[in-house]
Amino acid sequence: FFAGIPFNITSACRCKVHNNEVGGAEESAHLFGSGAVIECTTNYQRGVILPALFSAGFRRIGVAREFIHADVKPGEAIWLY
């Protein structure tokens, strides 16, 4: 319990067909059940969710206007959509 607010997961494990439909990467973490998209529409939510993800050990995080992607694929990366 790192954030103190609920995380609304809008996408997690995907089949290849759905991953292609939503424009997911060919080797998306979602295909392996190791990625999640968290709804995030305010700066307050970003300010709470991002530190919580880092505290929980996530090191691959993508930030968009309305969501944050987090996954546990090997390596470290932070990106903007």
PDB file of N, CA and C in Angstrom:
ATOM      1  N   PHE A   1       0.850  -1.185   0.000  1.00  0.00           N
ATOM      2  CA  PHE A   1       0.000   0.000   0.000  1.00  0.00           C
ATOM      3  C   PHE A   1       0.886   1.236   0.000  1.00  0.00           C
ATOM      4  N   PHE A   2       1.334   1.616  -1.194  1.00  0.00           N
ATOM      5  CA  PHE A   2       2.276   2.729  -1.315  1.00  0.00           C
ATOM      6  C   PHE A   2       1.618   4.065  -1.650  1.00  0.00           C
ATOM      7  N   ALA A   3       0.451   4.035  -2.296  1.00  0.00           N
ATOM      8  CA  ALA A   3      -0.106   5.269  -2.842  1.00  0.00           C
ATOM      9  C   ALA A   3      -1.188   5.903  -1.982  1.00  0.00           C
ATOM     10  N   GLY A   4      -1.975   5.114  -1.290  1.00  0.00           N
ATOM     11  CA  GLY A   4      -3.069   5.672  -0.532  1.00  0.00           C
ATOM     12  C   GLY A   4      -4.294   6.001  -1.370  1.00  0.00           C
ATOM     13  N   ILE A   5      -4.252   5.700  -2.658  1.00  0.00           N
ATOM     14  CA  ILE A   5      -5.415   5.873  -3.538  1.00  0.00           C
ATOM     15  C   ILE A   5      -5.563   4.597  -4.363  1.00  0.00           C
ATOM     16  N   PRO A   6      -6.774   4.313  -4.831  1.00  0.00           N
ATOM     17  CA  PRO A   6      -6.950   3.112  -5.661  1.00  0.00           C
ATOM     18  C   PRO A   6      -6.347   3.304  -7.050  1.00  0.00           C
ATOM     19  N   PHE A   7      -5.873   2.229  -7.622  1.00  0.00           N
ATOM     20  CA  PHE A   7      -5.393   2.219  -8.998  1.00  0.00           C
ATOM     21  C   PHE A   7      -6.479   1.582  -9.855  1.00  0.00           C
ATOM     22  N   ASN A   8      -6.984   2.318 -10.841  1.00  0.00           N
ATOM     23  CA  ASN A   8      -7.961   1.775 -11.770  1.00  0.00           C
ATOM     24  C   ASN A   8      -7.190   1.210 -12.969  1.00  0.00           C
ATOM     25  N   ILE A   9      -7.049  -0.108 -13.025  1.00  0.00           N
ATOM     26  CA  ILE A   9      -6.322  -0.771 -14.103  1.00  0.00           C
ATOM     27  C   ILE A   9      -7.251  -0.883 -15.305  1.00  0.00           C
ATOM     28  N   THR A  10      -6.875  -0.259 -16.410  1.00  0.00           N
ATOM     29  CA  THR A  10      -7.720  -0.280 -17.604  1.00  0.00           C
ATOM     30  C   THR A  10      -7.251  -1.291 -18.636  1.00  0.00           C
ATOM     31  N   SER A  11      -6.044  -1.810 -18.478  1.00  0.00           N
ATOM     32  CA  SER A  11      -5.534  -2.826 -19.396  1.00  0.00           C
ATOM     33  C   SER A  11      -4.423  -3.586 -18.692  1.00  0.00           C
ATOM     34  N   ALA A  12      -4.438  -4.901 -18.863  1.00  0.00           N
ATOM     35  CA  ALA A  12      -3.386  -5.731 -18.262  1.00  0.00           C
ATOM     36  C   ALA A  12      -2.986  -6.773 -19.301  1.00  0.00           C
ATOM     37  N   CYS A  13      -3.274  -8.032 -19.060  1.00  0.00           N
ATOM     38  CA  CYS A  13      -2.915  -9.097 -19.988  1.00  0.00           C
ATOM     39  C   CYS A  13      -3.759  -8.983 -21.257  1.00  0.00           C
ATOM     40  N   ARG A  14      -3.092  -9.041 -22.425  1.00  0.00           N
ATOM     41  CA  ARG A  14      -3.784  -8.928 -23.712  1.00  0.00           C
ATOM     42  C   ARG A  14      -3.407 -10.094 -24.614  1.00  0.00           C
ATOM     43  N   CYS A  15      -4.341 -10.503 -25.456  1.00  0.00           N
ATOM     44  CA  CYS A  15      -4.007 -11.443 -26.527  1.00  0.00           C
ATOM     45  C   CYS A  15      -3.384 -10.640 -27.674  1.00  0.00           C
ATOM     46  N   LYS A  16      -2.744 -11.322 -28.612  1.00  0.00           N
ATOM     47  CA  LYS A  16      -2.079 -10.628 -29.727  1.00  0.00           C
ATOM     48  C   LYS A  16      -3.052  -9.792 -30.549  1.00  0.00           C
ATOM     49  N   VAL A  17      -4.257 -10.323 -30.775  1.00  0.00           N
ATOM     50  CA  VAL A  17      -5.240  -9.593 -31.585  1.00  0.00           C
ATOM     51  C   VAL A  17      -5.594  -8.266 -30.924  1.00  0.00           C
ATOM     52  N   HIS A  18      -5.938  -8.305 -29.647  1.00  0.00           N
ATOM     53  CA  HIS A  18      -6.299  -7.070 -28.942  1.00  0.00           C
ATOM     54  C   HIS A  18      -5.099  -6.128 -28.850  1.00  0.00           C
ATOM     55  N   ASN A  19      -3.922  -6.668 -28.587  1.00  0.00           N
ATOM     56  CA  ASN A  19      -2.729  -5.833 -28.512  1.00  0.00           C
ATOM     57  C   ASN A  19      -2.523  -5.079 -29.822  1.00  0.00           C
ATOM     58  N   ASN A  20      -2.711  -5.748 -30.944  1.00  0.00           N
ATOM     59  CA  ASN A  20      -2.589  -5.089 -32.248  1.00  0.00           C
ATOM     60  C   ASN A  20      -3.664  -4.034 -32.434  1.00  0.00           C
ATOM     61  N   GLU A  21      -4.894  -4.337 -32.005  1.00  0.00           N
ATOM     62  CA  GLU A  21      -6.010  -3.392 -32.149  1.00  0.00           C
ATOM     63  C   GLU A  21      -5.765  -2.097 -31.390  1.00  0.00           C
ATOM     64  N   VAL A  22      -5.101  -2.171 -30.252  1.00  0.00           N
ATOM     65  CA  VAL A  22      -4.865  -0.962 -29.455  1.00  0.00           C
ATOM     66  C   VAL A  22      -3.498  -0.335 -29.741  1.00  0.00           C
ATOM     67  N   GLY A  23      -2.779  -0.869 -30.736  1.00  0.00           N
ATOM     68  CA  GLY A  23      -1.493  -0.286 -31.110  1.00  0.00           C
ATOM     69  C   GLY A  23      -0.350  -0.647 -30.185  1.00  0.00           C
ATOM     70  N   GLY A  24      -0.474  -1.778 -29.479  1.00  0.00           N
ATOM     71  CA  GLY A  24       0.589  -2.218 -28.579  1.00  0.00           C
ATOM     72  C   GLY A  24       1.834  -2.661 -29.333  1.00  0.00           C
ATOM     73  N   ALA A  25       2.961  -2.597 -28.666  1.00  0.00           N
ATOM     74  CA  ALA A  25       4.232  -3.004 -29.259  1.00  0.00           C
ATOM     75  C   ALA A  25       4.216  -4.501 -29.550  1.00  0.00           C
ATOM     76  N   GLU A  26       4.991  -4.900 -30.542  1.00  0.00           N
ATOM     77  CA  GLU A  26       5.042  -6.305 -30.940  1.00  0.00           C
ATOM     78  C   GLU A  26       5.459  -7.220 -29.792  1.00  0.00           C
ATOM     79  N   GLU A  27       6.358  -6.759 -28.944  1.00  0.00           N
ATOM     80  CA  GLU A  27       6.803  -7.541 -27.780  1.00  0.00           C
ATOM     81  C   GLU A  27       6.298  -6.909 -26.483  1.00  0.00           C
ATOM     82  N   SER A  28       5.082  -6.405 -26.513  1.00  0.00           N
ATOM     83  CA  SER A  28       4.482  -5.729 -25.366  1.00  0.00           C
ATOM     84  C   SER A  28       4.488  -6.606 -24.116  1.00  0.00           C
ATOM     85  N   ALA A  29       4.761  -5.985 -22.990  1.00  0.00           N
ATOM     86  CA  ALA A  29       4.693  -6.694 -21.700  1.00  0.00           C
ATOM     87  C   ALA A  29       3.287  -7.217 -21.439  1.00  0.00           C
ATOM     88  N   HIS A  30       2.284  -6.575 -22.019  1.00  0.00           N
ATOM     89  CA  HIS A  30       0.898  -7.015 -21.833  1.00  0.00           C
ATOM     90  C   HIS A  30       0.671  -8.422 -22.379  1.00  0.00           C
ATOM     91  N   LEU A  31       1.412  -8.795 -23.403  1.00  0.00           N
ATOM     92  CA  LEU A  31       1.255 -10.129 -23.998  1.00  0.00           C
ATOM     93  C   LEU A  31       1.680 -11.226 -23.036  1.00  0.00           C
ATOM     94  N   PHE A  32       2.505 -10.886 -22.078  1.00  0.00           N
ATOM     95  CA  PHE A  32       3.049 -11.859 -21.137  1.00  0.00           C
ATOM     96  C   PHE A  32       2.475 -11.673 -19.728  1.00  0.00           C
ATOM     97  N   GLY A  33       1.495 -10.787 -19.608  1.00  0.00           N
ATOM     98  CA  GLY A  33       0.881 -10.540 -18.307  1.00  0.00           C
ATOM     99  C   GLY A  33       1.765  -9.778 -17.342  1.00  0.00           C
ATOM    100  N   SER A  34       2.746  -9.049 -17.874  1.00  0.00           N
ATOM    101  CA  SER A  34       3.671  -8.346 -16.977  1.00  0.00           C
ATOM    102  C   SER A  34       3.611  -6.829 -17.131  1.00  0.00           C
ATOM    103  N   GLY A  35       2.520  -6.331 -17.727  1.00  0.00           N
ATOM    104  CA  GLY A  35       2.344  -4.893 -17.868  1.00  0.00           C
ATOM    105  C   GLY A  35       0.933  -4.498 -17.501  1.00  0.00           C
ATOM    106  N   ALA A  36       0.764  -3.270 -17.056  1.00  0.00           N
ATOM    107  CA  ALA A  36      -0.558  -2.762 -16.708  1.00  0.00           C
ATOM    108  C   ALA A  36      -0.655  -1.289 -17.067  1.00  0.00           C
ATOM    109  N   VAL A  37      -1.862  -0.883 -17.419  1.00  0.00           N
ATOM    110  CA  VAL A  37      -2.158   0.520 -17.667  1.00  0.00           C
ATOM    111  C   VAL A  37      -3.062   0.997 -16.538  1.00  0.00           C
ATOM    112  N   ILE A  38      -2.643   2.089 -15.901  1.00  0.00           N
ATOM    113  CA  ILE A  38      -3.365   2.644 -14.763  1.00  0.00           C
ATOM    114  C   ILE A  38      -3.977   3.968 -15.196  1.00  0.00           C
ATOM    115  N   GLU A  39      -5.287   4.088 -15.027  1.00  0.00           N
ATOM    116  CA  GLU A  39      -5.951   5.346 -15.348  1.00  0.00           C
ATOM    117  C   GLU A  39      -5.352   6.459 -14.490  1.00  0.00           C
ATOM    118  N   CYS A  40      -5.051   7.580 -15.128  1.00  0.00           N
ATOM    119  CA  CYS A  40      -4.430   8.689 -14.407  1.00  0.00           C
ATOM    120  C   CYS A  40      -4.723   9.966 -15.179  1.00  0.00           C
ATOM    121  N   THR A  41      -5.661  10.773 -14.679  1.00  0.00           N
ATOM    122  CA  THR A  41      -6.107  11.934 -15.442  1.00  0.00           C
ATOM    123  C   THR A  41      -5.789  13.280 -14.798  1.00  0.00           C
ATOM    124  N   THR A  42      -5.190  13.257 -13.605  1.00  0.00           N
ATOM    125  CA  THR A  42      -4.876  14.533 -12.952  1.00  0.00           C
ATOM    126  C   THR A  42      -3.411  14.561 -12.515  1.00  0.00           C
ATOM    127  N   ASN A  43      -2.900  15.756 -12.343  1.00  0.00           N
ATOM    128  CA  ASN A  43      -1.530  15.895 -11.851  1.00  0.00           C
ATOM    129  C   ASN A  43      -1.396  15.341 -10.436  1.00  0.00           C
ATOM    130  N   TYR A  44      -2.439  15.472  -9.642  1.00  0.00           N
ATOM    131  CA  TYR A  44      -2.402  14.901  -8.292  1.00  0.00           C
ATOM    132  C   TYR A  44      -2.202  13.392  -8.366  1.00  0.00           C
ATOM    133  N   GLN A  45      -2.986  12.719  -9.209  1.00  0.00           N
ATOM    134  CA  GLN A  45      -2.841  11.267  -9.351  1.00  0.00           C
ATOM    135  C   GLN A  45      -1.424  10.904  -9.809  1.00  0.00           C
ATOM    136  N   ARG A  46      -0.895  11.624 -10.801  1.00  0.00           N
ATOM    137  CA  ARG A  46       0.474  11.354 -11.267  1.00  0.00           C
ATOM    138  C   ARG A  46       1.473  11.522 -10.126  1.00  0.00           C
ATOM    139  N   GLY A  47       1.275  12.557  -9.325  1.00  0.00           N
ATOM    140  CA  GLY A  47       2.178  12.833  -8.210  1.00  0.00           C
ATOM    141  C   GLY A  47       2.130  11.780  -7.117  1.00  0.00           C
ATOM    142  N   VAL A  48       1.056  11.032  -7.035  1.00  0.00           N
ATOM    143  CA  VAL A  48       0.920   9.960  -6.047  1.00  0.00           C
ATOM    144  C   VAL A  48       1.304   8.609  -6.638  1.00  0.00           C
ATOM    145  N   ILE A  49       0.839   8.347  -7.861  1.00  0.00           N
ATOM    146  CA  ILE A  49       1.054   7.035  -8.486  1.00  0.00           C
ATOM    147  C   ILE A  49       2.510   6.810  -8.861  1.00  0.00           C
ATOM    148  N   LEU A  50       3.165   7.794  -9.457  1.00  0.00           N
ATOM    149  CA  LEU A  50       4.557   7.582  -9.884  1.00  0.00           C
ATOM    150  C   LEU A  50       5.492   7.230  -8.725  1.00  0.00           C
ATOM    151  N   PRO A  51       5.515   7.984  -7.637  1.00  0.00           N
ATOM    152  CA  PRO A  51       6.391   7.583  -6.528  1.00  0.00           C
ATOM    153  C   PRO A  51       6.022   6.214  -5.958  1.00  0.00           C
ATOM    154  N   ALA A  52       4.726   5.894  -5.954  1.00  0.00           N
ATOM    155  CA  ALA A  52       4.299   4.581  -5.444  1.00  0.00           C
ATOM    156  C   ALA A  52       4.842   3.458  -6.331  1.00  0.00           C
ATOM    157  N   LEU A  53       4.811   3.662  -7.638  1.00  0.00           N
ATOM    158  CA  LEU A  53       5.350   2.644  -8.547  1.00  0.00           C
ATOM    159  C   LEU A  53       6.853   2.461  -8.327  1.00  0.00           C
ATOM    160  N   PHE A  54       7.579   3.561  -8.179  1.00  0.00           N
ATOM    161  CA  PHE A  54       9.021   3.457  -7.899  1.00  0.00           C
ATOM    162  C   PHE A  54       9.261   2.753  -6.574  1.00  0.00           C
ATOM    163  N   SER A  55       8.482   3.090  -5.553  1.00  0.00           N
ATOM    164  CA  SER A  55       8.638   2.448  -4.241  1.00  0.00           C
ATOM    165  C   SER A  55       8.357   0.953  -4.301  1.00  0.00           C
ATOM    166  N   ALA A  56       7.432   0.564  -5.182  1.00  0.00           N
ATOM    167  CA  ALA A  56       7.090  -0.854  -5.332  1.00  0.00           C
ATOM    168  C   ALA A  56       8.097  -1.606  -6.195  1.00  0.00           C
ATOM    169  N   GLY A  57       9.052  -0.881  -6.783  1.00  0.00           N
ATOM    170  CA  GLY A  57      10.107  -1.537  -7.546  1.00  0.00           C
ATOM    171  C   GLY A  57       9.970  -1.485  -9.052  1.00  0.00           C
ATOM    172  N   PHE A  58       8.959  -0.811  -9.560  1.00  0.00           N
ATOM    173  CA  PHE A  58       8.824  -0.691 -11.020  1.00  0.00           C
ATOM    174  C   PHE A  58       9.902   0.229 -11.559  1.00  0.00           C
ATOM    175  N   ARG A  59      10.523  -0.175 -12.658  1.00  0.00           N
ATOM    176  CA  ARG A  59      11.579   0.624 -13.277  1.00  0.00           C
ATOM    177  C   ARG A  59      11.336   0.854 -14.762  1.00  0.00           C
ATOM    178  N   ARG A  60      10.183   0.407 -15.261  1.00  0.00           N
ATOM    179  CA  ARG A  60       9.774   0.664 -16.651  1.00  0.00           C
ATOM    180  C   ARG A  60       8.389   1.297 -16.586  1.00  0.00           C
ATOM    181  N   ILE A  61       8.353   2.610 -16.851  1.00  0.00           N
ATOM    182  CA  ILE A  61       7.129   3.381 -16.663  1.00  0.00           C
ATOM    183  C   ILE A  61       6.955   4.346 -17.836  1.00  0.00           C
ATOM    184  N   GLY A  62       5.764   4.324 -18.415  1.00  0.00           N
ATOM    185  CA  GLY A  62       5.401   5.267 -19.468  1.00  0.00           C
ATOM    186  C   GLY A  62       4.269   6.159 -18.988  1.00  0.00           C
ATOM    187  N   VAL A  63       4.392   7.452 -19.263  1.00  0.00           N
ATOM    188  CA  VAL A  63       3.405   8.416 -18.771  1.00  0.00           C
ATOM    189  C   VAL A  63       2.715   9.082 -19.956  1.00  0.00           C
ATOM    190  N   ALA A  64       1.393   9.038 -19.927  1.00  0.00           N
ATOM    191  CA  ALA A  64       0.570   9.700 -20.942  1.00  0.00           C
ATOM    192  C   ALA A  64      -0.374  10.676 -20.256  1.00  0.00           C
ATOM    193  N   ARG A  65      -1.125  11.395 -21.039  1.00  0.00           N
ATOM    194  CA  ARG A  65      -2.046  12.385 -20.484  1.00  0.00           C
ATOM    195  C   ARG A  65      -3.115  11.752 -19.600  1.00  0.00           C
ATOM    196  N   GLU A  66      -3.602  10.558 -19.979  1.00  0.00           N
ATOM    197  CA  GLU A  66      -4.718   9.951 -19.249  1.00  0.00           C
ATOM    198  C   GLU A  66      -4.388   8.607 -18.607  1.00  0.00           C
ATOM    199  N   PHE A  67      -3.127   8.172 -18.685  1.00  0.00           N
ATOM    200  CA  PHE A  67      -2.774   6.888 -18.078  1.00  0.00           C
ATOM    201  C   PHE A  67      -1.278   6.817 -17.790  1.00  0.00           C
ATOM    202  N   ILE A  68      -0.926   5.823 -16.975  1.00  0.00           N
ATOM    203  CA  ILE A  68       0.467   5.469 -16.729  1.00  0.00           C
ATOM    204  C   ILE A  68       0.599   3.976 -17.001  1.00  0.00           C
ATOM    205  N   HIS A  69       1.594   3.626 -17.804  1.00  0.00           N
ATOM    206  CA  HIS A  69       1.908   2.218 -18.057  1.00  0.00           C
ATOM    207  C   HIS A  69       3.056   1.831 -17.137  1.00  0.00           C
ATOM    208  N   ALA A  70       2.960   0.653 -16.544  1.00  0.00           N
ATOM    209  CA  ALA A  70       4.062   0.114 -15.729  1.00  0.00           C
ATOM    210  C   ALA A  70       4.221  -1.354 -16.071  1.00  0.00           C
ATOM    211  N   ASP A  71       5.477  -1.791 -16.178  1.00  0.00           N
ATOM    212  CA  ASP A  71       5.700  -3.217 -16.423  1.00  0.00           C
ATOM    213  C   ASP A  71       6.982  -3.678 -15.757  1.00  0.00           C
ATOM    214  N   VAL A  72       7.171  -4.980 -15.759  1.00  0.00           N
ATOM    215  CA  VAL A  72       8.331  -5.572 -15.095  1.00  0.00           C
ATOM    216  C   VAL A  72       9.260  -6.282 -16.083  1.00  0.00           C
ATOM    217  N   LYS A  73       9.229  -5.866 -17.350  1.00  0.00           N
ATOM    218  CA  LYS A  73      10.200  -6.392 -18.300  1.00  0.00           C
ATOM    219  C   LYS A  73      11.603  -6.004 -17.817  1.00  0.00           C
ATOM    220  N   PRO A  74      12.612  -6.772 -18.195  1.00  0.00           N
ATOM    221  CA  PRO A  74      13.972  -6.428 -17.760  1.00  0.00           C
ATOM    222  C   PRO A  74      14.408  -5.048 -18.240  1.00  0.00           C
ATOM    223  N   GLY A  75      15.208  -4.414 -17.444  1.00  0.00           N
ATOM    224  CA  GLY A  75      15.760  -3.114 -17.805  1.00  0.00           C
ATOM    225  C   GLY A  75      15.030  -1.969 -17.132  1.00  0.00           C
ATOM    226  N   GLU A  76      15.504  -0.775 -17.449  1.00  0.00           N
ATOM    227  CA  GLU A  76      14.925   0.433 -16.886  1.00  0.00           C
ATOM    228  C   GLU A  76      14.607   1.384 -18.016  1.00  0.00           C
ATOM    229  N   ALA A  77      13.451   2.015 -17.973  1.00  0.00           N
ATOM    230  CA  ALA A  77      13.060   2.984 -18.982  1.00  0.00           C
ATOM    231  C   ALA A  77      11.921   3.829 -18.450  1.00  0.00           C
ATOM    232  N   ILE A  78      11.966   5.080 -18.764  1.00  0.00           N
ATOM    233  CA  ILE A  78      10.854   5.991 -18.486  1.00  0.00           C
ATOM    234  C   ILE A  78      10.583   6.731 -19.784  1.00  0.00           C
ATOM    235  N   TRP A  79       9.321   6.771 -20.193  1.00  0.00           N
ATOM    236  CA  TRP A  79       9.012   7.430 -21.457  1.00  0.00           C
ATOM    237  C   TRP A  79       7.681   8.156 -21.359  1.00  0.00           C
ATOM    238  N   LEU A  80       7.485   9.073 -22.315  1.00  0.00           N
ATOM    239  CA  LEU A  80       6.239   9.817 -22.457  1.00  0.00           C
ATOM    240  C   LEU A  80       5.546   9.362 -23.731  1.00  0.00           C
ATOM    241  N   TYR A  81       4.238   9.324 -23.682  1.00  0.00           N
ATOM    242  CA  TYR A  81       3.449   9.001 -24.878  1.00  0.00           C
ATOM    243  C   TYR A  81       3.016  10.287 -25.536  1.00  0.00           C
TER     244      TYR A  81
END
